[in-house]
Amino acid sequence: MTSTTTSIATRVEAAVRSLPTAFSGPGGAVAVLKDGEVVGRHAWGWANVERRIPFSPKTLFRICSITKQFTCGLLLDAFPDPSVLDGDVRSRLPNLAGAAPAALHLAHNQSGLRDYWAVAMLQGAPAESVFGAREADRMIRETRSLHFEPGTRYSYANQNFRLLGDIVQDRSSRGIAELLRARIFDRVGMETAFLAANTESMPDGTEGYEGAPDTGFRPAVNRILWTGDAGMGASLDDMIAWERHIDATRDDAGSLYHRLSAPVNFSDGAPAKYGFGLGRVTMLDRAVTAHGGGLRGWRSTRFYCPAERISVVVLFNHMAAAHEAAARVFAAALNEAPPPRDEGLPNPEWLGAYREPQTGLSVRIEAAPKGQVRLRYGYPPEPLDLQPDGSAGSDGARLRYVEGAVWMDQPRDNQSSRLEPLDPPGAADIAGRYRCDELETELTIEDAGGALSGAVSGFLGRGQMEQLTPVGRDVWVLPCPRALDHSAPGDWTLAFGRDAGGRITDVQVGCWLARGLNYRRIA
């Protein structure tokens, strides 16, 4: 180990030792590699608190959406030109009106498909209900429309990768678990990695937990069947093998990760920040390729910084912010800190409620402490740093005030728009029943003694009543605090329409993951 590597290891060790306290929970593990060498490898706490199984670097872990890059690795390894699968995508969407997305649109989250975990909540799915192959196939097969034209925008949709995995599996006449083992795991030395499709249990007893230190932790209940979208299980040592392979093949243009991390564009030529199951983001002014993963009770993240040849992997069997923990360790490895935020900048005058015209979603800009504003648009609410020029921004979004109007730039989404201010809330005459013919679901809104609440129902069940909040005239939000997936889709925007006589006739329902769904009033 060189002196440089030794000094990095010393700094990383100090940062790693702070994680169990800073990100409290049952257990976790972290690894840091520099130039292909492990400079930090540590596990702490419990993989199962009830059975007193300690967390170790060999503990099996649900890496969830980190699976997506491996599914895309299978895609490129088996079909170097993924366009040969475009017809397979079309055949799996038999009820879709108009052009279907291409295989590459799926791999880059540019398909226009509404995320099926979000739509499952509109189908009334209880948070801990069973969601297996039958439910997934029905939701995918019954897709009738897209929420944008393929290739023009970015929107996260888990079934993009489920579809790719299923297609590669069918074309290869081999199961996806076998393909992952033969084409990736064995080649890179991921000895214990496997397809952990059934989320109810892990073979070594590892458990995921919900809760918080002040209220206690309890085992998280999951009954989802994941495949190519988020089905992998792996240990910290398996992930170290992956990171070593990435660094060792960094200069090989034909290597798997080199191809996965190649530049990706939208159809208009604009660069995309996501492609082949990997985010292209910036950390401490360095370009990194990254992805996180999560299911109820599990959070993880991994990234590689090619300029520094540094990899970081963080695994938690609880719901703490794995990405923040990884960022802290990365900063220690570089011996740098994020630039200080100017906490003295005043709140802008353009706080308030708006509607984004391209998606129809509500946008709420709220005051936040220490030189920030809070943007409620996607999920979760996003803190934006105020800037001396009067704007507010982060790596993912920017708000700016130009000639009397607020503009929101979402470069990740390939979207920039002039926000429409919402008038103050008006009449609360929205109670009734509404039906979405496309989804064959219903929205029920009831006035219970002056408290308006809403719930959805469909083939997956009857959702519970949640209290509505008005954000503007005829614009309300319906909260979704829990979901099948590890995080809820966020508040649903309900934008009501009226006829010439002022009577409510319909409502458009949407969130960032699934928007533009029309419900007509039926009672």
Protein backbone atom coordinates (compact mmCIF):
# COMPACT_ATOMS: atom_id res chain seq x y z
CA MET A 1 0.00 0.00 0.00
CA THR A 2 1.48 3.38 -1.02
CA SER A 3 1.80 6.32 1.38
CA THR A 4 -1.01 8.09 -0.47
CA THR A 5 -3.27 5.09 -0.11
CA THR A 6 -2.30 4.82 3.56
CA SER A 7 -3.31 8.44 4.26
CA ILE A 8 -6.62 7.92 2.43
CA ALA A 9 -7.24 4.79 4.50
CA THR A 10 -6.63 6.73 7.71
CA ARG A 11 -9.15 9.43 6.76
CA VAL A 12 -11.68 6.88 5.54
CA GLU A 13 -11.37 4.89 8.76
CA ALA A 14 -12.28 7.94 10.82
CA ALA A 15 -15.28 8.71 8.60
CA VAL A 16 -16.48 5.10 8.62
CA ARG A 17 -16.31 4.91 12.40
CA SER A 18 -18.71 7.86 12.60
CA LEU A 19 -21.43 6.20 10.51
CA PRO A 20 -23.06 3.92 13.12
CA THR A 21 -23.84 6.97 15.27
CA ALA A 22 -24.64 9.43 12.48
CA PHE A 23 -26.92 6.93 10.69
CA SER A 24 -28.33 4.95 13.58
CA GLY A 25 -30.03 1.65 12.92
CA PRO A 26 -29.67 -2.09 13.37
CA GLY A 27 -26.66 -2.59 11.09
CA GLY A 28 -24.66 -1.61 8.07
CA ALA A 29 -21.53 -2.05 6.01
CA VAL A 30 -19.30 0.21 3.93
CA ALA A 31 -16.40 -0.25 1.52
CA VAL A 32 -14.08 2.26 -0.12
CA LEU A 33 -11.67 1.43 -2.93
CA LYS A 34 -8.89 3.58 -4.38
CA ASP A 35 -7.07 2.49 -7.56
CA GLY A 36 -8.70 -0.91 -7.25
CA GLU A 37 -7.41 -1.46 -3.69
CA VAL A 38 -9.68 -1.70 -0.66
CA VAL A 39 -8.84 1.18 1.70
CA GLY A 40 -11.88 0.74 3.92
CA ARG A 41 -14.06 -2.30 4.66
CA HIS A 42 -16.21 -2.32 7.75
CA ALA A 43 -19.47 -3.78 9.02
CA TRP A 44 -21.27 -3.07 12.28
CA GLY A 45 -24.40 -3.88 14.21
CA TRP A 46 -26.86 -6.65 13.53
CA ALA A 47 -28.14 -8.32 10.40
CA ASN A 48 -30.96 -9.71 12.55
CA VAL A 49 -31.52 -8.18 15.98
CA GLU A 50 -33.99 -10.83 17.13
CA ARG A 51 -31.68 -13.74 16.30
CA ARG A 52 -28.54 -11.73 17.19
CA ILE A 53 -26.90 -12.36 13.82
CA PRO A 54 -24.05 -9.84 13.40
CA PHE A 55 -23.66 -7.78 10.25
CA SER A 56 -20.45 -8.69 8.40
CA PRO A 57 -18.92 -8.02 4.97
CA LYS A 58 -20.29 -11.42 3.95
CA THR A 59 -23.87 -10.72 5.07
CA LEU A 60 -26.35 -11.05 2.22
CA PHE A 61 -28.15 -7.83 1.48
CA ARG A 62 -30.95 -6.67 -0.82
CA ILE A 63 -29.28 -4.17 -3.16
CA CYS A 64 -32.66 -3.51 -4.80
CA SER A 65 -32.47 -0.95 -7.63
CA ILE A 66 -28.70 -1.30 -7.96
CA THR A 67 -29.87 -4.43 -9.82
CA LYS A 68 -30.81 -2.25 -12.80
CA GLN A 69 -27.22 -1.83 -13.99
CA PHE A 70 -26.74 -5.60 -13.89
CA THR A 71 -29.93 -6.13 -15.92
CA CYS A 72 -28.57 -3.66 -18.47
CA GLY A 73 -25.25 -5.50 -18.36
CA LEU A 74 -27.09 -8.68 -19.36
CA LEU A 75 -28.84 -6.74 -22.10
CA LEU A 76 -25.60 -5.44 -23.64
CA ASP A 77 -23.73 -8.69 -23.17
CA ALA A 78 -26.41 -10.79 -24.86
CA PHE A 79 -27.62 -8.19 -27.40
CA PRO A 80 -24.92 -5.62 -28.26
CA ASP A 81 -27.52 -3.84 -30.40
CA PRO A 82 -30.56 -3.67 -28.10
CA SER A 83 -32.75 -2.33 -30.91
CA VAL A 84 -33.25 -5.93 -32.06
CA LEU A 85 -35.55 -6.24 -29.04
CA ASP A 86 -37.84 -3.32 -29.90
CA GLY A 87 -40.50 -5.67 -31.24
CA ASP A 88 -40.39 -7.68 -28.02
CA VAL A 89 -41.16 -4.51 -26.06
CA ARG A 90 -44.12 -3.75 -28.34
CA SER A 91 -45.51 -7.27 -27.92
CA ARG A 92 -45.57 -6.91 -24.13
CA LEU A 93 -47.68 -3.74 -24.35
CA PRO A 94 -50.60 -5.03 -26.45
CA ASN A 95 -53.08 -2.39 -25.27
CA LEU A 96 -50.81 0.62 -25.71
CA ALA A 97 -52.19 3.18 -28.14
CA GLY A 98 -49.56 4.73 -30.37
CA ALA A 99 -45.87 3.98 -30.72
CA ALA A 100 -44.22 1.81 -28.09
CA PRO A 101 -40.91 2.74 -26.46
CA ALA A 102 -37.75 1.10 -27.75
CA ALA A 103 -35.53 -1.17 -25.66
CA LEU A 104 -33.02 1.64 -25.18
CA HIS A 105 -35.77 3.96 -23.95
CA LEU A 106 -36.43 1.41 -21.23
CA ALA A 107 -32.74 1.14 -20.32
CA HIS A 108 -32.45 4.93 -20.00
CA ASN A 109 -35.76 5.55 -18.13
CA GLN A 110 -37.00 7.48 -21.16
CA SER A 111 -39.88 5.12 -21.99
CA GLY A 112 -42.78 7.33 -20.91
CA LEU A 113 -44.27 4.43 -18.94
CA ARG A 114 -45.85 5.36 -15.63
CA ASP A 115 -44.04 3.60 -12.80
CA TYR A 116 -46.04 0.54 -11.87
CA TRP A 117 -45.30 0.81 -8.15
CA ALA A 118 -46.86 4.28 -8.18
CA VAL A 119 -49.85 3.15 -10.27
CA ALA A 120 -50.30 0.20 -7.89
CA MET A 121 -51.25 2.71 -5.21
CA LEU A 122 -53.99 4.06 -7.50
CA GLN A 123 -55.13 0.46 -7.79
CA GLY A 124 -55.71 0.45 -4.04
CA ALA A 125 -52.74 -1.72 -3.03
CA PRO A 126 -52.19 -1.82 0.74
CA ALA A 127 -48.57 -1.07 1.62
CA GLU A 128 -47.81 -4.64 2.69
CA SER A 129 -49.89 -6.55 0.15
CA VAL A 130 -48.69 -9.33 -2.14
CA PHE A 131 -47.42 -8.19 -5.53
CA GLY A 132 -46.15 -11.03 -7.66
CA ALA A 133 -45.77 -12.02 -11.27
CA ARG A 134 -49.53 -12.11 -11.89
CA GLU A 135 -50.09 -8.57 -10.62
CA ALA A 136 -47.03 -7.22 -12.44
CA ASP A 137 -47.95 -8.84 -15.74
CA ARG A 138 -51.50 -7.48 -15.57
CA MET A 139 -50.39 -3.92 -14.85
CA ILE A 140 -47.82 -3.96 -17.66
CA ARG A 141 -50.10 -5.66 -20.18
CA GLU A 142 -52.99 -3.25 -19.53
CA THR A 143 -50.91 -0.12 -20.14
CA ARG A 144 -52.91 2.07 -22.53
CA SER A 145 -50.98 5.34 -22.70
CA LEU A 146 -47.67 6.98 -21.86
CA HIS A 147 -47.17 10.19 -19.92
CA PHE A 148 -44.67 11.55 -22.45
CA GLU A 149 -43.30 10.67 -25.87
CA PRO A 150 -40.48 8.10 -25.59
CA GLY A 151 -37.01 9.61 -25.71
CA THR A 152 -38.08 13.17 -24.87
CA ARG A 153 -38.02 13.08 -21.07
CA TYR A 154 -36.72 11.12 -18.10
CA SER A 155 -39.02 9.49 -15.57
CA TYR A 156 -38.16 6.61 -13.28
CA ALA A 157 -40.16 3.47 -14.07
CA ASN A 158 -39.19 0.20 -12.41
CA GLN A 159 -41.00 -1.96 -14.95
CA ASN A 160 -38.64 -0.69 -17.65
CA PHE A 161 -36.05 -3.07 -16.22
CA ARG A 162 -38.48 -5.82 -15.39
CA LEU A 163 -39.45 -5.83 -19.06
CA LEU A 164 -35.81 -5.89 -20.19
CA GLY A 165 -34.99 -8.76 -17.86
CA ASP A 166 -38.01 -10.74 -19.00
CA ILE A 167 -37.20 -10.16 -22.67
CA VAL A 168 -33.54 -11.17 -22.32
CA GLN A 169 -34.62 -14.22 -20.35
CA ASP A 170 -37.17 -15.31 -22.96
CA ARG A 171 -34.85 -14.65 -25.87
CA SER A 172 -32.04 -16.62 -24.19
CA SER A 173 -34.29 -19.49 -23.03
CA ARG A 174 -32.55 -19.28 -19.66
CA GLY A 175 -33.74 -17.85 -16.36
CA ILE A 176 -32.52 -14.42 -15.34
CA ALA A 177 -30.94 -15.87 -12.18
CA GLU A 178 -28.89 -18.28 -14.28
CA LEU A 179 -27.96 -15.55 -16.76
CA LEU A 180 -26.76 -13.21 -14.02
CA ARG A 181 -24.61 -15.96 -12.55
CA ALA A 182 -23.09 -17.10 -15.85
CA ARG A 183 -22.65 -13.77 -17.63
CA ILE A 184 -21.73 -11.43 -14.76
CA PHE A 185 -21.30 -12.85 -11.24
CA ASP A 186 -18.89 -15.66 -12.12
CA ARG A 187 -16.91 -13.43 -14.47
CA VAL A 188 -16.27 -10.68 -11.92
CA GLY A 189 -15.99 -12.78 -8.76
CA MET A 190 -19.30 -11.99 -7.07
CA GLU A 191 -19.34 -15.37 -5.34
CA THR A 192 -22.52 -15.11 -3.26
CA ALA A 193 -24.59 -12.67 -5.33
CA PHE A 194 -27.92 -14.08 -6.49
CA LEU A 195 -31.43 -13.19 -7.62
CA ALA A 196 -33.33 -12.66 -4.36
CA ALA A 197 -36.69 -12.23 -6.06
CA ASN A 198 -38.87 -13.12 -3.08
CA THR A 199 -38.63 -10.22 -0.64
CA GLU A 200 -40.13 -11.99 2.37
CA SER A 201 -36.85 -13.45 3.67
CA MET A 202 -33.14 -13.86 3.01
CA PRO A 203 -31.38 -17.27 3.17
CA ASP A 204 -28.88 -16.20 5.85
CA GLY A 205 -31.52 -14.61 8.07
CA THR A 206 -30.69 -10.99 7.30
CA GLU A 207 -33.65 -8.74 8.11
CA GLY A 208 -34.60 -5.23 7.02
CA TYR A 209 -36.05 -2.85 9.60
CA GLU A 210 -38.39 0.12 9.74
CA GLY A 211 -38.45 2.66 12.52
CA ALA A 212 -36.19 5.20 14.16
CA PRO A 213 -33.85 5.26 17.17
CA ASP A 214 -36.32 7.19 19.33
CA THR A 215 -39.30 4.95 18.54
CA GLY A 216 -37.50 1.64 18.02
CA PHE A 217 -37.07 -0.65 15.01
CA ARG A 218 -39.32 -3.45 13.80
CA PRO A 219 -38.93 -5.96 10.96
CA ALA A 220 -40.17 -4.52 7.68
CA VAL A 221 -42.87 -6.48 5.88
CA ASN A 222 -42.32 -7.02 2.14
CA ARG A 223 -44.33 -9.28 -0.13
CA ILE A 224 -43.11 -8.11 -3.54
CA LEU A 225 -41.57 -10.31 -6.21
CA TRP A 226 -38.71 -8.37 -7.82
CA THR A 227 -36.84 -9.47 -10.95
CA GLY A 228 -34.73 -7.37 -13.31
CA ASP A 229 -35.86 -4.15 -11.71
CA ALA A 230 -34.58 -4.70 -8.17
CA GLY A 231 -34.24 -8.41 -7.43
CA MET A 232 -30.55 -8.91 -6.56
CA GLY A 233 -29.03 -9.94 -3.29
CA ALA A 234 -25.31 -9.47 -2.64
CA SER A 235 -22.84 -9.05 0.19
CA LEU A 236 -20.44 -6.19 0.71
CA ASP A 237 -17.64 -8.47 -0.51
CA ASP A 238 -19.63 -9.18 -3.69
CA MET A 239 -19.94 -5.45 -4.30
CA ILE A 240 -16.21 -5.00 -3.67
CA ALA A 241 -15.59 -7.54 -6.44
CA TRP A 242 -17.82 -5.51 -8.78
CA GLU A 243 -15.99 -2.28 -7.96
CA ARG A 244 -12.61 -3.93 -8.50
CA HIS A 245 -13.77 -5.18 -11.87
CA ILE A 246 -14.97 -1.69 -12.81
CA ASP A 247 -11.60 -0.12 -12.01
CA ALA A 248 -9.58 -2.90 -13.62
CA THR A 249 -11.47 -2.51 -16.92
CA ARG A 250 -11.81 1.27 -16.84
CA ASP A 251 -9.71 1.83 -19.99
CA ASP A 252 -11.22 -1.01 -22.02
CA ALA A 253 -13.79 0.52 -24.37
CA GLY A 254 -15.41 -2.88 -24.80
CA SER A 255 -15.73 -3.66 -21.11
CA LEU A 256 -19.18 -4.03 -19.63
CA TYR A 257 -19.10 -1.08 -17.24
CA HIS A 258 -17.44 1.18 -19.81
CA ARG A 259 -20.39 0.57 -22.10
CA LEU A 260 -22.92 0.95 -19.29
CA SER A 261 -21.49 4.34 -18.34
CA ALA A 262 -21.14 5.68 -21.90
CA PRO A 263 -22.80 9.05 -22.62
CA VAL A 264 -26.55 8.95 -23.29
CA ASN A 265 -28.74 11.59 -24.96
CA PHE A 266 -32.40 12.46 -25.31
CA SER A 267 -34.00 12.47 -28.74
CA ASP A 268 -33.32 16.21 -29.12
CA GLY A 269 -29.60 15.64 -28.54
CA ALA A 270 -29.52 16.97 -24.98
CA PRO A 271 -27.28 14.94 -22.67
CA ALA A 272 -29.09 12.63 -20.28
CA LYS A 273 -28.10 12.13 -16.65
CA TYR A 274 -29.30 8.55 -16.58
CA GLY A 275 -28.65 5.58 -18.80
CA PHE A 276 -28.29 1.78 -18.67
CA GLY A 277 -29.32 1.67 -15.00
CA LEU A 278 -26.76 4.26 -13.89
CA GLY A 279 -27.10 7.89 -12.87
CA ARG A 280 -24.53 10.35 -14.17
CA VAL A 281 -24.16 12.83 -11.32
CA THR A 282 -21.64 15.21 -9.79
CA MET A 283 -20.18 14.91 -6.30
CA LEU A 284 -17.67 17.45 -5.02
CA ASP A 285 -17.29 18.69 -8.61
CA ARG A 286 -16.36 15.20 -9.85
CA ALA A 287 -18.34 13.15 -12.31
CA VAL A 288 -19.52 9.83 -10.87
CA THR A 289 -21.70 6.99 -12.08
CA ALA A 290 -24.03 5.88 -9.35
CA HIS A 291 -27.21 4.21 -8.26
CA GLY A 292 -29.06 3.70 -5.02
CA GLY A 293 -31.38 0.96 -3.93
CA GLY A 294 -34.19 0.64 -1.46
CA LEU A 295 -37.08 -1.46 -0.28
CA ARG A 296 -38.91 -1.13 2.98
CA GLY A 297 -36.20 -1.81 5.55
CA TRP A 298 -33.24 -1.64 3.14
CA ARG A 299 -31.17 1.26 1.76
CA SER A 300 -27.98 1.11 -0.29
CA THR A 301 -25.86 3.08 -2.71
CA ARG A 302 -22.73 2.59 -4.80
CA PHE A 303 -20.75 4.85 -7.10
CA TYR A 304 -17.50 5.07 -9.03
CA CYS A 305 -15.52 8.24 -9.65
CA PRO A 306 -13.27 7.53 -12.67
CA ALA A 307 -11.15 10.68 -12.34
CA GLU A 308 -10.09 9.71 -8.81
CA ARG A 309 -10.48 5.94 -9.27
CA ILE A 310 -12.53 5.81 -6.09
CA SER A 311 -15.51 3.55 -5.40
CA VAL A 312 -17.84 3.74 -2.40
CA VAL A 313 -20.47 1.19 -1.35
CA VAL A 314 -22.85 1.67 1.61
CA LEU A 315 -25.43 -0.90 2.78
CA PHE A 316 -27.98 -0.30 5.58
CA ASN A 317 -30.64 -2.75 6.75
CA HIS A 318 -32.74 0.20 7.86
CA MET A 319 -34.04 3.38 6.26
CA ALA A 320 -31.19 5.85 6.91
CA ALA A 321 -29.84 7.91 4.02
CA ALA A 322 -27.21 5.67 2.45
CA HIS A 323 -26.33 8.28 -0.18
CA GLU A 324 -25.50 10.87 2.48
CA ALA A 325 -23.30 8.36 4.28
CA ALA A 326 -21.48 7.56 1.04
CA ALA A 327 -20.97 11.26 0.32
CA ARG A 328 -19.42 11.74 3.76
CA VAL A 329 -16.95 8.90 3.21
CA PHE A 330 -16.13 10.14 -0.31
CA ALA A 331 -15.33 13.60 1.06
CA ALA A 332 -13.01 12.03 3.61
CA ALA A 333 -11.25 10.01 0.92
CA LEU A 334 -10.64 13.20 -1.06
CA ASN A 335 -9.80 15.20 2.07
CA GLU A 336 -12.32 17.80 0.94
CA ALA A 337 -15.60 19.17 2.19
CA PRO A 338 -18.61 20.55 0.34
CA PRO A 339 -18.39 24.32 -0.14
CA PRO A 340 -20.11 26.17 2.72
CA ARG A 341 -23.66 27.32 2.12
CA ASP A 342 -24.45 31.02 2.63
CA GLU A 343 -26.94 30.67 5.48
CA GLY A 344 -27.61 34.40 5.65
CA LEU A 345 -29.40 34.80 2.33
CA PRO A 346 -33.01 35.92 2.80
CA ASN A 347 -36.01 33.94 1.63
CA PRO A 348 -37.09 34.91 -1.89
CA GLU A 349 -40.35 36.72 -2.54
CA TRP A 350 -41.52 33.99 -4.90
CA LEU A 351 -42.31 31.33 -2.30
CA GLY A 352 -45.75 29.87 -2.88
CA ALA A 353 -47.85 27.39 -4.84
CA TYR A 354 -47.62 26.86 -8.60
CA ARG A 355 -48.53 24.35 -11.27
CA GLU A 356 -46.00 22.95 -13.74
CA PRO A 357 -47.70 23.18 -17.17
CA GLN A 358 -46.05 20.21 -18.90
CA THR A 359 -46.88 17.64 -16.23
CA GLY A 360 -49.89 19.30 -14.60
CA LEU A 361 -48.33 18.73 -11.18
CA SER A 362 -48.41 21.09 -8.24
CA VAL A 363 -45.18 22.81 -7.25
CA ARG A 364 -44.83 24.15 -3.73
CA ILE A 365 -41.86 26.31 -2.84
CA GLU A 366 -41.48 26.71 0.90
CA ALA A 367 -39.13 28.44 3.30
CA ALA A 368 -36.44 26.25 4.81
CA PRO A 369 -33.72 27.00 7.36
CA LYS A 370 -30.11 27.93 6.74
CA GLY A 371 -30.13 29.51 3.31
CA GLN A 372 -32.40 27.04 1.56
CA VAL A 373 -35.88 26.65 0.13
CA ARG A 374 -37.83 23.40 -0.03
CA LEU A 375 -39.19 22.24 -3.39
CA ARG A 376 -42.22 19.94 -3.30
CA TYR A 377 -42.58 18.56 -6.80
CA GLY A 378 -41.14 15.06 -7.07
CA TYR A 379 -40.37 12.80 -4.13
CA PRO A 380 -39.04 13.38 -1.58
CA PRO A 381 -39.21 17.16 -0.97
CA GLU A 382 -35.91 18.58 -2.20
CA PRO A 383 -33.83 21.23 -0.40
CA LEU A 384 -32.37 23.82 -2.78
CA ASP A 385 -29.53 26.14 -1.81
CA LEU A 386 -30.23 29.84 -2.24
CA GLN A 387 -27.71 31.62 -4.46
CA PRO A 388 -26.48 35.24 -4.44
CA ASP A 389 -28.05 35.81 -7.87
CA GLY A 390 -31.51 35.13 -6.40
CA SER A 391 -31.91 31.60 -7.73
CA ALA A 392 -32.03 28.36 -5.76
CA GLY A 393 -30.62 25.06 -6.90
CA SER A 394 -29.13 21.63 -6.42
CA ASP A 395 -27.57 19.07 -8.74
CA GLY A 396 -31.08 18.04 -9.82
CA ALA A 397 -33.19 21.20 -9.98
CA ARG A 398 -33.00 24.98 -10.21
CA LEU A 399 -35.53 27.71 -9.54
CA ARG A 400 -34.98 31.17 -11.00
CA TYR A 401 -37.02 34.36 -11.10
CA VAL A 402 -37.02 35.99 -14.55
CA GLU A 403 -39.06 39.04 -15.54
CA GLY A 404 -41.80 38.48 -13.02
CA ALA A 405 -42.06 34.71 -13.40
CA VAL A 406 -40.59 31.66 -11.66
CA TRP A 407 -38.88 29.13 -13.90
CA MET A 408 -38.07 25.58 -12.86
CA ASP A 409 -35.22 23.80 -14.64
CA GLN A 410 -35.02 20.02 -14.31
CA PRO A 411 -31.99 19.01 -16.43
CA ARG A 412 -32.32 15.39 -15.37
CA ASP A 413 -35.86 15.38 -16.82
CA ASN A 414 -34.85 17.40 -19.90
CA GLN A 415 -37.44 19.93 -18.85
CA SER A 416 -37.55 23.68 -18.29
CA SER A 417 -40.79 25.51 -17.71
CA ARG A 418 -42.40 28.74 -16.57
CA LEU A 419 -44.43 27.89 -13.50
CA GLU A 420 -48.06 29.00 -13.35
CA PRO A 421 -48.99 30.67 -10.04
CA LEU A 422 -52.02 29.13 -8.38
CA ASP A 423 -54.87 31.30 -7.16
CA PRO A 424 -55.72 30.92 -3.45
CA PRO A 425 -57.89 27.93 -2.54
CA GLY A 426 -61.58 28.44 -3.22
CA ALA A 427 -64.68 26.30 -2.89
CA ALA A 428 -64.32 22.89 -1.28
CA ASP A 429 -67.16 21.26 -3.25
CA ILE A 430 -65.10 18.35 -4.56
CA ALA A 431 -66.68 15.44 -2.64
CA GLY A 432 -67.87 12.65 -4.90
CA ARG A 433 -66.81 9.56 -6.82
CA TYR A 434 -64.53 9.70 -9.85
CA ARG A 435 -63.55 6.97 -12.32
CA CYS A 436 -60.43 6.54 -14.44
CA ASP A 437 -61.49 4.51 -17.47
CA GLU A 438 -57.87 3.90 -18.48
CA LEU A 439 -56.93 2.24 -15.19
CA GLU A 440 -60.44 1.03 -14.31
CA THR A 441 -60.00 2.56 -10.86
CA GLU A 442 -62.03 4.90 -8.68
CA LEU A 443 -61.22 7.89 -6.49
CA THR A 444 -63.62 8.59 -3.63
CA ILE A 445 -63.64 11.95 -1.86
CA GLU A 446 -65.76 12.40 1.25
CA ASP A 447 -66.48 15.32 3.56
CA ALA A 448 -66.31 13.88 7.08
CA GLY A 449 -67.52 16.71 9.29
CA GLY A 450 -65.55 19.35 7.44
CA ALA A 451 -62.44 17.25 6.83
CA LEU A 452 -62.11 16.30 3.17
CA SER A 453 -60.45 12.95 2.64
CA GLY A 454 -59.76 10.82 -0.40
CA ALA A 455 -59.00 7.19 -1.19
CA VAL A 456 -58.47 5.12 -4.32
CA SER A 457 -59.58 1.60 -5.18
CA GLY A 458 -58.90 -0.89 -7.95
CA PHE A 459 -58.07 -4.50 -8.63
CA LEU A 460 -55.41 -4.54 -5.88
CA GLY A 461 -57.73 -3.39 -3.09
CA ARG A 462 -59.25 -0.38 -1.35
CA GLY A 463 -56.84 2.29 -0.20
CA GLN A 464 -57.25 4.00 3.15
CA MET A 465 -58.69 7.47 3.52
CA GLU A 466 -56.11 10.28 3.64
CA GLN A 467 -56.85 13.93 4.42
CA LEU A 468 -56.64 16.27 1.42
CA THR A 469 -54.79 19.59 1.48
CA PRO A 470 -55.74 22.53 -0.76
CA VAL A 471 -52.79 24.19 -2.50
CA GLY A 472 -54.69 26.44 -4.94
CA ARG A 473 -58.08 27.02 -6.50
CA ASP A 474 -59.39 23.57 -7.49
CA VAL A 475 -55.95 22.04 -6.89
CA TRP A 476 -55.50 19.70 -3.94
CA VAL A 477 -52.93 17.13 -2.86
CA LEU A 478 -53.70 13.59 -1.71
CA PRO A 479 -50.85 12.22 0.43
CA CYS A 480 -49.42 8.73 -0.06
CA PRO A 481 -47.22 8.22 3.02
CA ARG A 482 -46.66 4.48 2.50
CA ALA A 483 -46.41 2.36 -0.62
CA LEU A 484 -45.44 -1.08 -1.89
CA ASP A 485 -41.96 0.17 -2.74
CA HIS A 486 -39.49 1.53 -0.16
CA SER A 487 -40.64 5.11 -0.67
CA ALA A 488 -44.05 6.43 -1.51
CA PRO A 489 -44.62 8.18 -4.86
CA GLY A 490 -45.24 11.44 -3.01
CA ASP A 491 -48.34 13.59 -2.90
CA TRP A 492 -50.81 13.10 -5.74
CA THR A 493 -51.88 16.33 -7.39
CA LEU A 494 -55.65 16.50 -7.90
CA ALA A 495 -56.54 19.21 -10.44
CA PHE A 496 -60.31 19.55 -10.75
CA GLY A 497 -62.24 20.76 -13.80
CA ARG A 498 -65.62 22.52 -13.85
CA ASP A 499 -68.36 22.96 -16.43
CA ALA A 500 -69.83 26.28 -17.54
CA GLY A 501 -72.14 26.26 -14.54
CA GLY A 502 -69.26 25.83 -12.13
CA ARG A 503 -69.96 22.18 -11.23
CA ILE A 504 -67.01 19.84 -10.74
CA THR A 505 -66.88 17.41 -13.68
CA ASP A 506 -63.51 15.69 -13.55
CA VAL A 507 -60.08 15.58 -11.96
CA GLN A 508 -56.61 15.00 -13.36
CA VAL A 509 -54.47 12.89 -11.02
CA GLY A 510 -50.72 12.61 -11.09
CA CYS A 511 -47.37 12.51 -9.35
CA TRP A 512 -43.88 12.74 -10.84
CA LEU A 513 -43.77 8.96 -11.35
CA ALA A 514 -47.24 8.68 -12.90
CA ARG A 515 -49.01 11.72 -14.26
CA GLY A 516 -51.77 12.82 -16.60
CA LEU A 517 -54.46 10.34 -15.51
CA ASN A 518 -58.01 11.57 -16.05
CA TYR A 519 -60.90 10.71 -13.75
CA ARG A 520 -64.49 11.67 -14.65
CA ARG A 521 -67.05 12.36 -11.97
CA ILE A 522 -69.63 9.58 -11.68
CA ALA A 523 -71.43 10.54 -8.46
